[in-house]
Amino acid sequence: MNGCIIAMESMTYAVKGQRIFAKNGIVCSVVRLPGKTNKGCAYGISLGCSEVRTAYRLLQESGVPAGVLLT
């Protein structure tokens, strides 16, 4: 884990997010969350906390729904 995790609605969205981040030079990995968040998220993308703002913007621009930020 790199420090922060953006929870995602599904594994599919997590992988899409990972691909978007990789194309934009953000080092990350898909992780399984130990339990579901209150929004039902069971997967997330682990990345450096300094990259979170950029990551959320990229997800929004690509139409990929992002969940909560876990630290």
C-alpha atoms as a PDB file:
ATOM      1  CA  MET A   1       0.000   0.000   0.000  1.00  0.00           C
ATOM      2  CA  ASN A   2       1.259   3.475  -0.919  1.00  0.00           C
ATOM      3  CA  GLY A   3      -0.488   5.542   1.777  1.00  0.00           C
ATOM      4  CA  CYS A   4      -3.995   6.383   0.524  1.00  0.00           C
ATOM      5  CA  ILE A   5      -6.743   4.302  -1.030  1.00  0.00           C
ATOM      6  CA  ILE A   6      -9.607   5.491  -3.210  1.00  0.00           C
ATOM      7  CA  ALA A   7     -12.477   3.058  -2.700  1.00  0.00           C
ATOM      8  CA  MET A   8     -14.178   1.976  -5.909  1.00  0.00           C
ATOM      9  CA  GLU A   9     -17.661   0.585  -6.593  1.00  0.00           C
ATOM     10  CA  SER A  10     -16.356  -2.549  -8.287  1.00  0.00           C
ATOM     11  CA  MET A  11     -13.272  -4.402  -9.429  1.00  0.00           C
ATOM     12  CA  THR A  12     -14.056  -3.274 -12.983  1.00  0.00           C
ATOM     13  CA  TYR A  13     -13.942   0.404 -12.013  1.00  0.00           C
ATOM     14  CA  ALA A  14     -10.800  -0.154  -9.961  1.00  0.00           C
ATOM     15  CA  VAL A  15      -9.010  -1.668 -12.971  1.00  0.00           C
ATOM     16  CA  LYS A  16     -10.251   1.152 -15.237  1.00  0.00           C
ATOM     17  CA  GLY A  17      -8.942   3.673 -12.730  1.00  0.00           C
ATOM     18  CA  GLN A  18      -5.614   1.878 -12.523  1.00  0.00           C
ATOM     19  CA  ARG A  19      -5.242   2.045 -16.312  1.00  0.00           C
ATOM     20  CA  ILE A  20      -6.113   5.751 -16.367  1.00  0.00           C
ATOM     21  CA  PHE A  21      -3.584   6.464 -13.626  1.00  0.00           C
ATOM     22  CA  ALA A  22      -0.844   4.433 -15.332  1.00  0.00           C
ATOM     23  CA  LYS A  23      -1.350   6.417 -18.563  1.00  0.00           C
ATOM     24  CA  ASN A  24      -0.876   9.582 -16.530  1.00  0.00           C
ATOM     25  CA  GLY A  25       2.216   8.464 -14.638  1.00  0.00           C
ATOM     26  CA  ILE A  26       0.550   7.714 -11.297  1.00  0.00           C
ATOM     27  CA  VAL A  27       1.975   4.609  -9.627  1.00  0.00           C
ATOM     28  CA  CYS A  28      -0.851   2.624  -8.039  1.00  0.00           C
ATOM     29  CA  SER A  29      -2.254  -0.832  -7.437  1.00  0.00           C
ATOM     30  CA  VAL A  30      -5.701  -2.372  -7.094  1.00  0.00           C
ATOM     31  CA  VAL A  31      -6.361  -3.678  -3.595  1.00  0.00           C
ATOM     32  CA  ARG A  32      -9.133  -5.646  -1.966  1.00  0.00           C
ATOM     33  CA  LEU A  33     -10.540  -3.803   1.028  1.00  0.00           C
ATOM     34  CA  PRO A  34     -10.816  -5.804   4.265  1.00  0.00           C
ATOM     35  CA  GLY A  35     -14.575  -5.138   4.332  1.00  0.00           C
ATOM     36  CA  LYS A  36     -17.085  -3.086   2.398  1.00  0.00           C
ATOM     37  CA  THR A  37     -17.418   0.637   2.943  1.00  0.00           C
ATOM     38  CA  ASN A  38     -20.811   2.087   3.818  1.00  0.00           C
ATOM     39  CA  LYS A  39     -21.309   2.613   0.074  1.00  0.00           C
ATOM     40  CA  GLY A  40     -20.647  -1.069  -0.657  1.00  0.00           C
ATOM     41  CA  CYS A  41     -17.137  -0.665  -2.037  1.00  0.00           C
ATOM     42  CA  ALA A  42     -14.955  -3.764  -1.692  1.00  0.00           C
ATOM     43  CA  TYR A  43     -12.026  -2.758  -3.931  1.00  0.00           C
ATOM     44  CA  GLY A  44      -9.808   0.253  -4.070  1.00  0.00           C
ATOM     45  CA  ILE A  45      -6.817   1.835  -5.707  1.00  0.00           C
ATOM     46  CA  SER A  46      -3.779   2.355  -3.520  1.00  0.00           C
ATOM     47  CA  LEU A  47      -1.662   5.375  -4.420  1.00  0.00           C
ATOM     48  CA  GLY A  48       0.497   8.083  -2.922  1.00  0.00           C
ATOM     49  CA  CYS A  49      -1.477  10.624  -0.917  1.00  0.00           C
ATOM     50  CA  SER A  50       0.152  13.447  -2.883  1.00  0.00           C
ATOM     51  CA  GLU A  51      -1.532  12.099  -6.053  1.00  0.00           C
ATOM     52  CA  VAL A  52      -5.115  11.983  -4.720  1.00  0.00           C
ATOM     53  CA  ARG A  53      -6.362  15.307  -6.115  1.00  0.00           C
ATOM     54  CA  THR A  54      -5.031  14.540  -9.566  1.00  0.00           C
ATOM     55  CA  ALA A  55      -6.409  11.005  -9.372  1.00  0.00           C
ATOM     56  CA  TYR A  56      -9.940  12.158  -8.487  1.00  0.00           C
ATOM     57  CA  ARG A  57      -9.851  14.693 -11.320  1.00  0.00           C
ATOM     58  CA  LEU A  58      -8.767  12.033 -13.820  1.00  0.00           C
ATOM     59  CA  LEU A  59     -11.548   9.703 -12.664  1.00  0.00           C
ATOM     60  CA  GLN A  60     -14.155  12.463 -12.977  1.00  0.00           C
ATOM     61  CA  GLU A  61     -12.945  13.445 -16.449  1.00  0.00           C
ATOM     62  CA  SER A  62     -13.151   9.799 -17.525  1.00  0.00           C
ATOM     63  CA  GLY A  63     -16.610   9.195 -16.051  1.00  0.00           C
ATOM     64  CA  VAL A  64     -15.353   6.559 -13.604  1.00  0.00           C
ATOM     65  CA  PRO A  65     -17.195   6.774 -10.256  1.00  0.00           C
ATOM     66  CA  ALA A  66     -14.918   7.030  -7.234  1.00  0.00           C
ATOM     67  CA  GLY A  67     -15.814   6.335  -3.659  1.00  0.00           C
ATOM     68  CA  VAL A  68     -14.386   7.584  -0.422  1.00  0.00           C
ATOM     69  CA  LEU A  69     -10.751   8.229   0.383  1.00  0.00           C
ATOM     70  CA  LEU A  70      -9.248   5.843   2.943  1.00  0.00           C
ATOM     71  CA  THR A  71      -5.970   6.677   4.674  1.00  0.00           C
END
